Amino acid sequence: MQKRTAFFSIALLALVISCFFVWKYLEYSEHVEEASLRESFVVYTPHWFGNMTENELRKDINVIKSDLLLGKSLGFHGVKLFCIEGIEWTNENFSRQVFDCCEEIGLNITLPLRIWRQEQFPENLTAISEFRGFVSTLIRKIRNSSALLAYIVHYPVDYSDIYAYGQKWFGNPKYRFELQEIISHVYELDPKHPIWMALEFNPSDYDTPVNFTFVESYGVEPYSWRTPLEYNENEVLNYVGFFGSRNLSCFIDEWGVQTNNVDLVGYAPNETVKTQKIRAFILHMFRKGYTWAYFSLFDTSQADWGLVYDNGTLKESGRMVKDLLRVKSFPEWLMNPES
């Protein structure tokens, strides 16, 4: 009799515990919010700024397709296809092949357009004319691709002294005129796809020109110098706020973390901290609903920004990103940690 009583007591306790967890699950489910993620991209190029040797260039379209499939497997909606002109000059079919790959595997593409010899902009009219010619040829090849999401025209600056360049040119009508001419040229070639702009400096630091005709959104790159151990949400909001205060659409054109160059922006002391910062960044993007891009899929010759090793193995950060981007909804306490 005592054994039977003990058995029923244990069974009753198990039932109570089970009911409690079911109740908590239902309560949790009522507070789950769909992540307001728009589009997530990863920066990819088979040609890193000319720093790679001839043997390292990923010219084989099958290798490129494997890279792109890897990016898709992580959960990204698309790629920011970077520095495409590095191979375009030697292989005129390169861009079309890459776009065809993305169509096949279901990835969107944002296509950056960086003005050549930009430290001489807007005075070097020859360089501007040559760039317009390249843009004409490139856009005619890819404008009918279903993979193309948007063009991104970068603000030209002199990276050797952005401050001096900005002080001299950003408020100058000639800078605005020549930049608008390039934007208008892109629009004339392809009025069906959006044109975005991107800047690689804090827009609040300068008299940054905005409200360009045909431009639908403005991208920022809020890499941080000052917080190696944690994600700096305020820095991102500072960059975005410049455009938000002007009622202009904004997206995160690039953001990333690296661990082996303390002199660069986006520094973290190790892969674990890098992973933690990327996780905080992605959750911030979910909460705000921004379109965003992570820099980058692979390491560069500059630093270990990548989520993936050269052999295709996921880093700790890559495994976390894959887990996080495949989640469809999050509990309210995670989406709103300060509430």
C-alpha atoms as a PDB file:
ATOM      1  CA  MET A   1       0.000   0.000   0.000  1.00  0.00           C
ATOM      2  CA  GLN A   2       2.831   2.359   0.890  1.00  0.00           C
ATOM      3  CA  LYS A   3       4.602   1.565  -2.382  1.00  0.00           C
ATOM      4  CA  ARG A   4       1.395   2.262  -4.332  1.00  0.00           C
ATOM      5  CA  THR A   5       0.927   5.566  -2.492  1.00  0.00           C
ATOM      6  CA  ALA A   6       4.513   6.558  -3.193  1.00  0.00           C
ATOM      7  CA  PHE A   7       4.080   5.655  -6.875  1.00  0.00           C
ATOM      8  CA  PHE A   8       0.943   7.791  -7.216  1.00  0.00           C
ATOM      9  CA  SER A   9       2.653  10.666  -5.376  1.00  0.00           C
ATOM     10  CA  ILE A  10       5.562  10.588  -7.799  1.00  0.00           C
ATOM     11  CA  ALA A  11       3.185  10.347 -10.766  1.00  0.00           C
ATOM     12  CA  LEU A  12       1.153  13.275  -9.450  1.00  0.00           C
ATOM     13  CA  LEU A  13       4.316  15.340  -8.947  1.00  0.00           C
ATOM     14  CA  ALA A  14       5.449  14.527 -12.494  1.00  0.00           C
ATOM     15  CA  LEU A  15       2.032  15.584 -13.824  1.00  0.00           C
ATOM     16  CA  VAL A  16       2.180  18.873 -11.918  1.00  0.00           C
ATOM     17  CA  ILE A  17       5.684  19.572 -13.233  1.00  0.00           C
ATOM     18  CA  SER A  18       4.606  18.711 -16.791  1.00  0.00           C
ATOM     19  CA  CYS A  19       1.590  21.033 -16.544  1.00  0.00           C
ATOM     20  CA  PHE A  20       3.829  23.795 -15.256  1.00  0.00           C
ATOM     21  CA  PHE A  21       6.185  23.505 -18.228  1.00  0.00           C
ATOM     22  CA  VAL A  22       3.282  23.353 -20.680  1.00  0.00           C
ATOM     23  CA  TRP A  23       1.839  26.518 -19.121  1.00  0.00           C
ATOM     24  CA  LYS A  24       5.204  28.291 -19.298  1.00  0.00           C
ATOM     25  CA  TYR A  25       5.602  27.230 -22.927  1.00  0.00           C
ATOM     26  CA  LEU A  26       2.181  28.617 -23.826  1.00  0.00           C
ATOM     27  CA  GLU A  27       2.969  31.817 -21.950  1.00  0.00           C
ATOM     28  CA  TYR A  28       6.297  32.017 -23.790  1.00  0.00           C
ATOM     29  CA  SER A  29       4.618  31.405 -27.146  1.00  0.00           C
ATOM     30  CA  GLU A  30       2.249  34.310 -26.590  1.00  0.00           C
ATOM     31  CA  HIS A  31       5.241  36.613 -26.196  1.00  0.00           C
ATOM     32  CA  VAL A  32       7.269  35.377 -29.153  1.00  0.00           C
ATOM     33  CA  GLU A  33       7.702  38.061 -31.761  1.00  0.00           C
ATOM     34  CA  GLU A  34       8.535  37.379 -35.367  1.00  0.00           C
ATOM     35  CA  ALA A  35      11.974  38.803 -36.054  1.00  0.00           C
ATOM     36  CA  SER A  36      11.569  41.920 -38.176  1.00  0.00           C
ATOM     37  CA  LEU A  37      14.549  40.980 -40.298  1.00  0.00           C
ATOM     38  CA  ARG A  38      14.513  42.429 -43.781  1.00  0.00           C
ATOM     39  CA  GLU A  39      17.505  41.394 -45.860  1.00  0.00           C
ATOM     40  CA  SER A  40      20.785  40.043 -44.510  1.00  0.00           C
ATOM     41  CA  PHE A  41      23.892  39.999 -46.706  1.00  0.00           C
ATOM     42  CA  VAL A  42      27.468  38.845 -46.418  1.00  0.00           C
ATOM     43  CA  VAL A  43      30.278  40.578 -48.263  1.00  0.00           C
ATOM     44  CA  TYR A  44      31.916  38.316 -50.814  1.00  0.00           C
ATOM     45  CA  THR A  45      34.480  38.737 -53.525  1.00  0.00           C
ATOM     46  CA  PRO A  46      36.798  36.299 -55.217  1.00  0.00           C
ATOM     47  CA  HIS A  47      39.326  39.105 -55.670  1.00  0.00           C
ATOM     48  CA  TRP A  48      40.423  40.973 -52.554  1.00  0.00           C
ATOM     49  CA  PHE A  49      41.618  44.412 -53.670  1.00  0.00           C
ATOM     50  CA  GLY A  50      44.394  42.921 -55.789  1.00  0.00           C
ATOM     51  CA  ASN A  51      46.154  41.641 -52.654  1.00  0.00           C
ATOM     52  CA  MET A  52      45.788  37.983 -53.563  1.00  0.00           C
ATOM     53  CA  THR A  53      48.336  36.268 -55.765  1.00  0.00           C
ATOM     54  CA  GLU A  54      47.398  34.860 -59.150  1.00  0.00           C
ATOM     55  CA  ASN A  55      47.112  31.382 -57.630  1.00  0.00           C
ATOM     56  CA  GLU A  56      44.770  32.598 -54.915  1.00  0.00           C
ATOM     57  CA  LEU A  57      42.250  34.256 -57.229  1.00  0.00           C
ATOM     58  CA  ARG A  58      38.993  32.325 -57.225  1.00  0.00           C
ATOM     59  CA  LYS A  59      38.483  32.417 -60.978  1.00  0.00           C
ATOM     60  CA  ASP A  60      36.886  28.980 -61.266  1.00  0.00           C
ATOM     61  CA  ILE A  61      33.144  29.522 -61.371  1.00  0.00           C
ATOM     62  CA  ASN A  62      32.597  26.171 -59.628  1.00  0.00           C
ATOM     63  CA  VAL A  63      34.692  27.364 -56.679  1.00  0.00           C
ATOM     64  CA  ILE A  64      32.750  30.619 -56.627  1.00  0.00           C
ATOM     65  CA  LYS A  65      29.470  28.709 -56.696  1.00  0.00           C
ATOM     66  CA  SER A  66      30.657  26.613 -53.756  1.00  0.00           C
ATOM     67  CA  ASP A  67      31.472  29.818 -51.852  1.00  0.00           C
ATOM     68  CA  LEU A  68      28.044  31.266 -52.604  1.00  0.00           C
ATOM     69  CA  LEU A  69      26.303  28.072 -51.500  1.00  0.00           C
ATOM     70  CA  LEU A  70      28.252  28.292 -48.257  1.00  0.00           C
ATOM     71  CA  GLY A  71      26.977  31.844 -47.719  1.00  0.00           C
ATOM     72  CA  LYS A  72      23.432  30.703 -48.349  1.00  0.00           C
ATOM     73  CA  SER A  73      23.824  27.775 -45.941  1.00  0.00           C
ATOM     74  CA  LEU A  74      24.632  30.260 -43.178  1.00  0.00           C
ATOM     75  CA  GLY A  75      21.190  31.799 -43.670  1.00  0.00           C
ATOM     76  CA  PHE A  76      22.067  34.991 -45.552  1.00  0.00           C
ATOM     77  CA  HIS A  77      19.576  36.301 -48.088  1.00  0.00           C
ATOM     78  CA  GLY A  78      22.287  37.549 -50.404  1.00  0.00           C
ATOM     79  CA  VAL A  79      25.809  38.768 -51.012  1.00  0.00           C
ATOM     80  CA  LYS A  80      27.344  42.164 -51.399  1.00  0.00           C
ATOM     81  CA  LEU A  81      29.500  41.430 -54.434  1.00  0.00           C
ATOM     82  CA  PHE A  82      32.648  43.398 -53.791  1.00  0.00           C
ATOM     83  CA  CYS A  83      35.387  44.684 -56.122  1.00  0.00           C
ATOM     84  CA  ILE A  84      34.005  42.879 -59.134  1.00  0.00           C
ATOM     85  CA  GLU A  85      36.109  44.949 -61.540  1.00  0.00           C
ATOM     86  CA  GLY A  86      39.259  43.148 -60.398  1.00  0.00           C
ATOM     87  CA  ILE A  87      38.394  40.160 -62.584  1.00  0.00           C
ATOM     88  CA  GLU A  88      35.927  41.816 -64.928  1.00  0.00           C
ATOM     89  CA  TRP A  89      38.729  43.340 -66.973  1.00  0.00           C
ATOM     90  CA  THR A  90      40.388  39.981 -67.635  1.00  0.00           C
ATOM     91  CA  ASN A  91      37.215  37.911 -67.974  1.00  0.00           C
ATOM     92  CA  GLU A  92      34.354  39.805 -69.533  1.00  0.00           C
ATOM     93  CA  ASN A  93      31.884  37.023 -68.695  1.00  0.00           C
ATOM     94  CA  PHE A  94      32.764  36.967 -65.001  1.00  0.00           C
ATOM     95  CA  SER A  95      29.961  39.166 -63.688  1.00  0.00           C
ATOM     96  CA  ARG A  96      27.294  37.394 -65.712  1.00  0.00           C
ATOM     97  CA  GLN A  97      28.513  34.011 -64.470  1.00  0.00           C
ATOM     98  CA  VAL A  98      28.366  35.107 -60.837  1.00  0.00           C
ATOM     99  CA  PHE A  99      24.877  36.550 -61.263  1.00  0.00           C
ATOM    100  CA  ASP A 100      23.746  33.337 -62.970  1.00  0.00           C
ATOM    101  CA  CYS A 101      25.065  31.363 -59.982  1.00  0.00           C
ATOM    102  CA  CYS A 102      23.127  33.519 -57.556  1.00  0.00           C
ATOM    103  CA  GLU A 103      19.965  33.144 -59.616  1.00  0.00           C
ATOM    104  CA  GLU A 104      20.370  29.382 -59.572  1.00  0.00           C
ATOM    105  CA  ILE A 105      20.911  29.036 -55.825  1.00  0.00           C
ATOM    106  CA  GLY A 106      18.531  31.814 -54.747  1.00  0.00           C
ATOM    107  CA  LEU A 107      20.744  34.611 -53.468  1.00  0.00           C
ATOM    108  CA  ASN A 108      20.158  38.335 -53.951  1.00  0.00           C
ATOM    109  CA  ILE A 109      23.019  40.633 -54.918  1.00  0.00           C
ATOM    110  CA  THR A 110      23.795  44.206 -53.958  1.00  0.00           C
ATOM    111  CA  LEU A 111      26.371  45.621 -56.353  1.00  0.00           C
ATOM    112  CA  PRO A 112      28.712  48.337 -55.033  1.00  0.00           C
ATOM    113  CA  LEU A 113      29.947  50.933 -57.525  1.00  0.00           C
ATOM    114  CA  ARG A 114      33.108  52.636 -56.290  1.00  0.00           C
ATOM    115  CA  ILE A 115      34.317  55.613 -58.263  1.00  0.00           C
ATOM    116  CA  TRP A 116      37.869  55.165 -59.547  1.00  0.00           C
ATOM    117  CA  ARG A 117      40.744  57.306 -58.272  1.00  0.00           C
ATOM    118  CA  GLN A 118      38.253  58.759 -55.865  1.00  0.00           C
ATOM    119  CA  GLU A 119      40.846  60.829 -54.018  1.00  0.00           C
ATOM    120  CA  GLN A 120      40.903  62.941 -57.210  1.00  0.00           C
ATOM    121  CA  PHE A 121      37.122  63.265 -57.367  1.00  0.00           C
ATOM    122  CA  PRO A 122      35.494  65.498 -58.546  1.00  0.00           C
ATOM    123  CA  GLU A 123      38.395  67.184 -60.358  1.00  0.00           C
ATOM    124  CA  ASN A 124      39.659  64.250 -62.427  1.00  0.00           C
ATOM    125  CA  LEU A 125      37.053  64.255 -65.194  1.00  0.00           C
ATOM    126  CA  THR A 126      38.979  61.639 -67.188  1.00  0.00           C
ATOM    127  CA  ALA A 127      38.696  59.121 -64.347  1.00  0.00           C
ATOM    128  CA  ILE A 128      34.993  59.918 -63.993  1.00  0.00           C
ATOM    129  CA  SER A 129      34.439  59.381 -67.714  1.00  0.00           C
ATOM    130  CA  GLU A 130      36.312  56.057 -67.651  1.00  0.00           C
ATOM    131  CA  PHE A 131      34.299  54.914 -64.647  1.00  0.00           C
ATOM    132  CA  ARG A 132      31.015  55.784 -66.365  1.00  0.00           C
ATOM    133  CA  GLY A 133      32.115  53.704 -69.337  1.00  0.00           C
ATOM    134  CA  PHE A 134      32.852  50.703 -67.115  1.00  0.00           C
ATOM    135  CA  VAL A 135      29.508  51.108 -65.332  1.00  0.00           C
ATOM    136  CA  SER A 136      27.694  51.194 -68.685  1.00  0.00           C
ATOM    137  CA  THR A 137      29.274  47.929 -69.801  1.00  0.00           C
ATOM    138  CA  LEU A 138      28.729  46.211 -66.456  1.00  0.00           C
ATOM    139  CA  ILE A 139      25.095  47.225 -65.954  1.00  0.00           C
ATOM    140  CA  ARG A 140      24.106  46.179 -69.458  1.00  0.00           C
ATOM    141  CA  LYS A 141      25.369  42.674 -68.622  1.00  0.00           C
ATOM    142  CA  ILE A 142      23.525  42.164 -65.355  1.00  0.00           C
ATOM    143  CA  ARG A 143      20.505  44.496 -65.257  1.00  0.00           C
ATOM    144  CA  ASN A 144      18.075  41.751 -66.318  1.00  0.00           C
ATOM    145  CA  SER A 145      19.235  39.314 -63.654  1.00  0.00           C
ATOM    146  CA  SER A 146      16.594  38.264 -61.142  1.00  0.00           C
ATOM    147  CA  ALA A 147      19.361  38.086 -58.516  1.00  0.00           C
ATOM    148  CA  LEU A 148      20.070  41.823 -58.639  1.00  0.00           C
ATOM    149  CA  LEU A 149      18.516  43.686 -55.706  1.00  0.00           C
ATOM    150  CA  ALA A 150      20.166  47.123 -55.807  1.00  0.00           C
ATOM    151  CA  TYR A 151      23.160  49.173 -56.893  1.00  0.00           C
ATOM    152  CA  ILE A 152      25.204  50.867 -54.166  1.00  0.00           C
ATOM    153  CA  VAL A 153      27.049  54.031 -55.215  1.00  0.00           C
ATOM    154  CA  HIS A 154      29.768  54.816 -52.674  1.00  0.00           C
ATOM    155  CA  TYR A 155      30.535  58.369 -51.639  1.00  0.00           C
ATOM    156  CA  PRO A 156      34.021  59.114 -53.024  1.00  0.00           C
ATOM    157  CA  VAL A 157      36.602  60.200 -50.433  1.00  0.00           C
ATOM    158  CA  ASP A 158      40.352  60.480 -50.036  1.00  0.00           C
ATOM    159  CA  TYR A 159      41.191  57.757 -47.510  1.00  0.00           C
ATOM    160  CA  SER A 160      44.583  59.239 -46.749  1.00  0.00           C
ATOM    161  CA  ASP A 161      42.804  62.171 -45.079  1.00  0.00           C
ATOM    162  CA  ILE A 162      39.036  61.826 -44.998  1.00  0.00           C
ATOM    163  CA  TYR A 163      38.621  64.818 -42.693  1.00  0.00           C
ATOM    164  CA  ALA A 164      40.474  67.264 -44.942  1.00  0.00           C
ATOM    165  CA  TYR A 165      38.740  65.890 -48.028  1.00  0.00           C
ATOM    166  CA  GLY A 166      35.319  66.142 -46.403  1.00  0.00           C
ATOM    167  CA  GLN A 167      35.936  69.684 -45.242  1.00  0.00           C
ATOM    168  CA  LYS A 168      37.018  70.697 -48.730  1.00  0.00           C
ATOM    169  CA  TRP A 169      34.479  68.898 -50.906  1.00  0.00           C
ATOM    170  CA  PHE A 170      31.318  67.716 -49.160  1.00  0.00           C
ATOM    171  CA  GLY A 171      29.781  71.170 -49.133  1.00  0.00           C
ATOM    172  CA  ASN A 172      31.076  72.017 -52.592  1.00  0.00           C
ATOM    173  CA  PRO A 173      28.444  72.169 -55.401  1.00  0.00           C
ATOM    174  CA  LYS A 174      30.891  70.559 -57.844  1.00  0.00           C
ATOM    175  CA  TYR A 175      31.120  67.423 -55.665  1.00  0.00           C
ATOM    176  CA  ARG A 176      27.345  67.133 -55.540  1.00  0.00           C
ATOM    177  CA  PHE A 177      26.944  67.813 -59.261  1.00  0.00           C
ATOM    178  CA  GLU A 178      29.449  65.175 -60.423  1.00  0.00           C
ATOM    179  CA  LEU A 179      28.140  62.578 -57.977  1.00  0.00           C
ATOM    180  CA  GLN A 180      24.553  63.210 -59.072  1.00  0.00           C
ATOM    181  CA  GLU A 181      25.647  62.790 -62.690  1.00  0.00           C
ATOM    182  CA  ILE A 182      26.979  59.309 -61.902  1.00  0.00           C
ATOM    183  CA  ILE A 183      23.802  58.368 -60.017  1.00  0.00           C
ATOM    184  CA  SER A 184      21.658  59.620 -62.879  1.00  0.00           C
ATOM    185  CA  HIS A 185      23.791  57.628 -65.312  1.00  0.00           C
ATOM    186  CA  VAL A 186      23.120  54.430 -63.341  1.00  0.00           C
ATOM    187  CA  TYR A 187      19.404  55.209 -63.297  1.00  0.00           C
ATOM    188  CA  GLU A 188      19.302  55.831 -67.054  1.00  0.00           C
ATOM    189  CA  LEU A 189      20.957  52.466 -67.650  1.00  0.00           C
ATOM    190  CA  ASP A 190      18.603  50.617 -65.312  1.00  0.00           C
ATOM    191  CA  PRO A 191      15.553  52.450 -63.929  1.00  0.00           C
ATOM    192  CA  LYS A 192      14.024  49.176 -62.681  1.00  0.00           C
ATOM    193  CA  HIS A 193      16.402  48.536 -59.780  1.00  0.00           C
ATOM    194  CA  PRO A 194      16.883  50.691 -56.692  1.00  0.00           C
ATOM    195  CA  ILE A 195      19.960  52.860 -56.250  1.00  0.00           C
ATOM    196  CA  TRP A 196      21.372  53.092 -52.754  1.00  0.00           C
ATOM    197  CA  MET A 197      24.370  55.042 -51.505  1.00  0.00           C
ATOM    198  CA  ALA A 198      26.993  54.101 -48.943  1.00  0.00           C
ATOM    199  CA  LEU A 199      29.566  56.030 -46.963  1.00  0.00           C
ATOM    200  CA  GLU A 200      32.579  54.791 -45.036  1.00  0.00           C
ATOM    201  CA  PHE A 201      32.726  57.569 -42.449  1.00  0.00           C
ATOM    202  CA  ASN A 202      30.472  59.011 -39.775  1.00  0.00           C
ATOM    203  CA  PRO A 203      28.099  61.322 -41.667  1.00  0.00           C
ATOM    204  CA  SER A 204      27.631  63.477 -38.571  1.00  0.00           C
ATOM    205  CA  ASP A 205      31.285  64.521 -38.706  1.00  0.00           C
ATOM    206  CA  TYR A 206      30.885  66.413 -41.982  1.00  0.00           C
ATOM    207  CA  ASP A 207      28.523  68.467 -44.088  1.00  0.00           C
ATOM    208  CA  THR A 208      27.518  65.232 -45.781  1.00  0.00           C
ATOM    209  CA  PRO A 209      25.393  65.844 -48.888  1.00  0.00           C
ATOM    210  CA  VAL A 210      22.120  63.899 -49.046  1.00  0.00           C
ATOM    211  CA  ASN A 211      18.808  63.926 -50.931  1.00  0.00           C
ATOM    212  CA  PHE A 212      20.299  62.835 -54.229  1.00  0.00           C
ATOM    213  CA  THR A 213      17.767  62.267 -56.990  1.00  0.00           C
ATOM    214  CA  PHE A 214      16.937  58.571 -57.656  1.00  0.00           C
ATOM    215  CA  VAL A 215      18.552  57.388 -54.392  1.00  0.00           C
ATOM    216  CA  GLU A 216      16.178  55.339 -52.231  1.00  0.00           C
ATOM    217  CA  SER A 217      18.330  54.557 -49.192  1.00  0.00           C
ATOM    218  CA  TYR A 218      21.652  55.440 -47.539  1.00  0.00           C
ATOM    219  CA  GLY A 219      24.093  52.918 -46.089  1.00  0.00           C
ATOM    220  CA  VAL A 220      26.494  53.341 -43.185  1.00  0.00           C
ATOM    221  CA  GLU A 221      29.496  51.335 -41.981  1.00  0.00           C
ATOM    222  CA  PRO A 222      29.599  51.831 -38.200  1.00  0.00           C
ATOM    223  CA  TYR A 223      32.704  49.829 -37.332  1.00  0.00           C
ATOM    224  CA  SER A 224      33.869  50.620 -33.812  1.00  0.00           C
ATOM    225  CA  TRP A 225      37.291  51.667 -32.497  1.00  0.00           C
ATOM    226  CA  ARG A 226      36.461  51.990 -28.857  1.00  0.00           C
ATOM    227  CA  THR A 227      34.705  48.876 -27.586  1.00  0.00           C
ATOM    228  CA  PRO A 228      36.828  45.754 -28.213  1.00  0.00           C
ATOM    229  CA  LEU A 229      34.961  43.648 -25.647  1.00  0.00           C
ATOM    230  CA  GLU A 230      31.354  44.464 -26.483  1.00  0.00           C
ATOM    231  CA  TYR A 231      29.089  45.477 -29.332  1.00  0.00           C
ATOM    232  CA  ASN A 232      28.607  49.242 -29.470  1.00  0.00           C
ATOM    233  CA  GLU A 233      24.910  49.690 -30.198  1.00  0.00           C
ATOM    234  CA  ASN A 234      25.073  53.434 -29.605  1.00  0.00           C
ATOM    235  CA  GLU A 235      27.665  53.898 -32.318  1.00  0.00           C
ATOM    236  CA  VAL A 236      25.400  52.187 -34.835  1.00  0.00           C
ATOM    237  CA  LEU A 237      22.449  54.315 -33.750  1.00  0.00           C
ATOM    238  CA  ASN A 238      24.585  57.455 -34.065  1.00  0.00           C
ATOM    239  CA  TYR A 239      25.373  56.700 -37.702  1.00  0.00           C
ATOM    240  CA  VAL A 240      21.809  55.713 -38.545  1.00  0.00           C
ATOM    241  CA  GLY A 241      20.385  58.687 -36.665  1.00  0.00           C
ATOM    242  CA  PHE A 242      21.958  61.133 -39.100  1.00  0.00           C
ATOM    243  CA  PHE A 243      19.657  59.867 -41.833  1.00  0.00           C
ATOM    244  CA  GLY A 244      16.703  59.079 -39.583  1.00  0.00           C
ATOM    245  CA  SER A 245      16.600  62.688 -38.369  1.00  0.00           C
ATOM    246  CA  ARG A 246      16.249  63.710 -42.026  1.00  0.00           C
ATOM    247  CA  ASN A 247      13.490  61.170 -42.709  1.00  0.00           C
ATOM    248  CA  LEU A 248      15.754  59.223 -45.042  1.00  0.00           C
ATOM    249  CA  SER A 249      15.826  55.436 -45.326  1.00  0.00           C
ATOM    250  CA  CYS A 250      19.007  53.854 -43.977  1.00  0.00           C
ATOM    251  CA  PHE A 251      20.660  50.428 -43.992  1.00  0.00           C
ATOM    252  CA  ILE A 252      23.871  48.934 -42.589  1.00  0.00           C
ATOM    253  CA  ASP A 253      26.133  48.644 -45.617  1.00  0.00           C
ATOM    254  CA  GLU A 254      28.888  46.857 -43.693  1.00  0.00           C
ATOM    255  CA  TRP A 255      29.780  45.863 -40.176  1.00  0.00           C
ATOM    256  CA  GLY A 256      32.290  43.263 -39.006  1.00  0.00           C
ATOM    257  CA  VAL A 257      34.745  42.057 -36.374  1.00  0.00           C
ATOM    258  CA  GLN A 258      38.365  40.880 -36.616  1.00  0.00           C
ATOM    259  CA  THR A 259      40.815  39.661 -33.980  1.00  0.00           C
ATOM    260  CA  ASN A 260      44.344  39.989 -35.313  1.00  0.00           C
ATOM    261  CA  ASN A 261      44.874  43.660 -36.088  1.00  0.00           C
ATOM    262  CA  VAL A 262      44.432  45.924 -33.086  1.00  0.00           C
ATOM    263  CA  ASP A 263      44.993  49.004 -35.240  1.00  0.00           C
ATOM    264  CA  LEU A 264      41.916  48.327 -37.354  1.00  0.00           C
ATOM    265  CA  VAL A 265      38.303  49.098 -36.572  1.00  0.00           C
ATOM    266  CA  GLY A 266      36.044  46.266 -35.432  1.00  0.00           C
ATOM    267  CA  TYR A 267      38.671  44.705 -33.173  1.00  0.00           C
ATOM    268  CA  ALA A 268      37.969  41.886 -30.692  1.00  0.00           C
ATOM    269  CA  PRO A 269      40.698  40.108 -28.688  1.00  0.00           C
ATOM    270  CA  ASN A 270      39.678  36.571 -29.705  1.00  0.00           C
ATOM    271  CA  GLU A 271      37.187  34.501 -31.698  1.00  0.00           C
ATOM    272  CA  THR A 272      34.862  33.992 -28.722  1.00  0.00           C
ATOM    273  CA  VAL A 273      34.469  37.730 -28.122  1.00  0.00           C
ATOM    274  CA  LYS A 274      34.112  38.225 -31.870  1.00  0.00           C
ATOM    275  CA  THR A 275      31.264  35.706 -31.832  1.00  0.00           C
ATOM    276  CA  GLN A 276      29.560  37.451 -28.921  1.00  0.00           C
ATOM    277  CA  LYS A 277      29.766  40.836 -30.636  1.00  0.00           C
ATOM    278  CA  ILE A 278      28.376  39.489 -33.900  1.00  0.00           C
ATOM    279  CA  ARG A 279      25.500  37.844 -32.047  1.00  0.00           C
ATOM    280  CA  ALA A 280      24.629  41.128 -30.311  1.00  0.00           C
ATOM    281  CA  PHE A 281      24.822  42.950 -33.647  1.00  0.00           C
ATOM    282  CA  ILE A 282      22.474  40.519 -35.407  1.00  0.00           C
ATOM    283  CA  LEU A 283      19.919  40.671 -32.590  1.00  0.00           C
ATOM    284  CA  HIS A 284      20.090  44.471 -32.796  1.00  0.00           C
ATOM    285  CA  MET A 285      19.415  44.254 -36.534  1.00  0.00           C
ATOM    286  CA  PHE A 286      16.459  41.956 -35.849  1.00  0.00           C
ATOM    287  CA  ARG A 287      14.967  44.393 -33.350  1.00  0.00           C
ATOM    288  CA  LYS A 288      15.379  47.398 -35.621  1.00  0.00           C
ATOM    289  CA  GLY A 289      14.468  45.671 -38.859  1.00  0.00           C
ATOM    290  CA  TYR A 290      17.432  47.032 -40.791  1.00  0.00           C
ATOM    291  CA  THR A 291      18.788  45.601 -43.998  1.00  0.00           C
ATOM    292  CA  TRP A 292      22.425  44.789 -43.184  1.00  0.00           C
ATOM    293  CA  ALA A 293      25.616  43.167 -44.423  1.00  0.00           C
ATOM    294  CA  TYR A 294      28.348  41.403 -42.475  1.00  0.00           C
ATOM    295  CA  PHE A 295      31.963  41.894 -43.570  1.00  0.00           C
ATOM    296  CA  SER A 296      32.899  39.273 -44.625  1.00  0.00           C
ATOM    297  CA  LEU A 297      32.402  35.627 -45.593  1.00  0.00           C
ATOM    298  CA  PHE A 298      36.148  34.873 -45.731  1.00  0.00           C
ATOM    299  CA  ASP A 299      39.196  36.487 -44.153  1.00  0.00           C
ATOM    300  CA  THR A 300      41.006  39.145 -46.140  1.00  0.00           C
ATOM    301  CA  SER A 301      44.723  39.790 -46.390  1.00  0.00           C
ATOM    302  CA  GLN A 302      44.056  42.623 -43.943  1.00  0.00           C
ATOM    303  CA  ALA A 303      42.564  40.667 -41.047  1.00  0.00           C
ATOM    304  CA  ASP A 304      40.446  37.665 -40.004  1.00  0.00           C
ATOM    305  CA  TRP A 305      37.020  39.217 -40.585  1.00  0.00           C
ATOM    306  CA  GLY A 306      35.608  35.989 -41.987  1.00  0.00           C
ATOM    307  CA  LEU A 307      33.008  33.603 -40.625  1.00  0.00           C
ATOM    308  CA  VAL A 308      34.615  30.741 -42.533  1.00  0.00           C
ATOM    309  CA  TYR A 309      38.161  29.405 -42.821  1.00  0.00           C
ATOM    310  CA  ASP A 310      39.713  29.212 -46.284  1.00  0.00           C
ATOM    311  CA  ASN A 311      38.991  25.475 -46.429  1.00  0.00           C
ATOM    312  CA  GLY A 312      35.247  26.074 -45.966  1.00  0.00           C
ATOM    313  CA  THR A 313      35.089  25.067 -42.296  1.00  0.00           C
ATOM    314  CA  LEU A 314      32.907  27.308 -40.161  1.00  0.00           C
ATOM    315  CA  LYS A 315      34.568  29.291 -37.410  1.00  0.00           C
ATOM    316  CA  GLU A 316      32.921  29.623 -34.000  1.00  0.00           C
ATOM    317  CA  SER A 317      31.371  32.858 -35.242  1.00  0.00           C
ATOM    318  CA  GLY A 318      30.158  31.156 -38.422  1.00  0.00           C
ATOM    319  CA  ARG A 319      28.450  28.379 -36.469  1.00  0.00           C
ATOM    320  CA  MET A 320      26.701  30.942 -34.293  1.00  0.00           C
ATOM    321  CA  VAL A 321      25.544  32.973 -37.320  1.00  0.00           C
ATOM    322  CA  LYS A 322      24.179  29.844 -38.973  1.00  0.00           C
ATOM    323  CA  ASP A 323      22.210  28.944 -35.848  1.00  0.00           C
ATOM    324  CA  LEU A 324      20.912  32.468 -35.361  1.00  0.00           C
ATOM    325  CA  LEU A 325      19.876  33.265 -38.934  1.00  0.00           C
ATOM    326  CA  ARG A 326      17.887  30.068 -39.191  1.00  0.00           C
ATOM    327  CA  VAL A 327      15.717  31.000 -36.196  1.00  0.00           C
ATOM    328  CA  LYS A 328      12.346  32.370 -37.282  1.00  0.00           C
ATOM    329  CA  SER A 329      11.235  33.963 -34.032  1.00  0.00           C
ATOM    330  CA  PHE A 330      12.657  35.032 -30.694  1.00  0.00           C
ATOM    331  CA  PRO A 331      11.288  35.494 -27.174  1.00  0.00           C
ATOM    332  CA  GLU A 332      10.476  39.061 -26.198  1.00  0.00           C
ATOM    333  CA  TRP A 333      13.157  39.207 -23.508  1.00  0.00           C
ATOM    334  CA  LEU A 334      15.777  38.428 -26.135  1.00  0.00           C
ATOM    335  CA  MET A 335      14.446  40.873 -28.695  1.00  0.00           C
ATOM    336  CA  ASN A 336      14.024  43.603 -26.070  1.00  0.00           C
ATOM    337  CA  PRO A 337      16.667  42.894 -23.410  1.00  0.00           C
ATOM    338  CA  GLU A 338      16.181  46.201 -21.594  1.00  0.00           C
ATOM    339  CA  SER A 339      12.415  45.904 -21.253  1.00  0.00           C
END
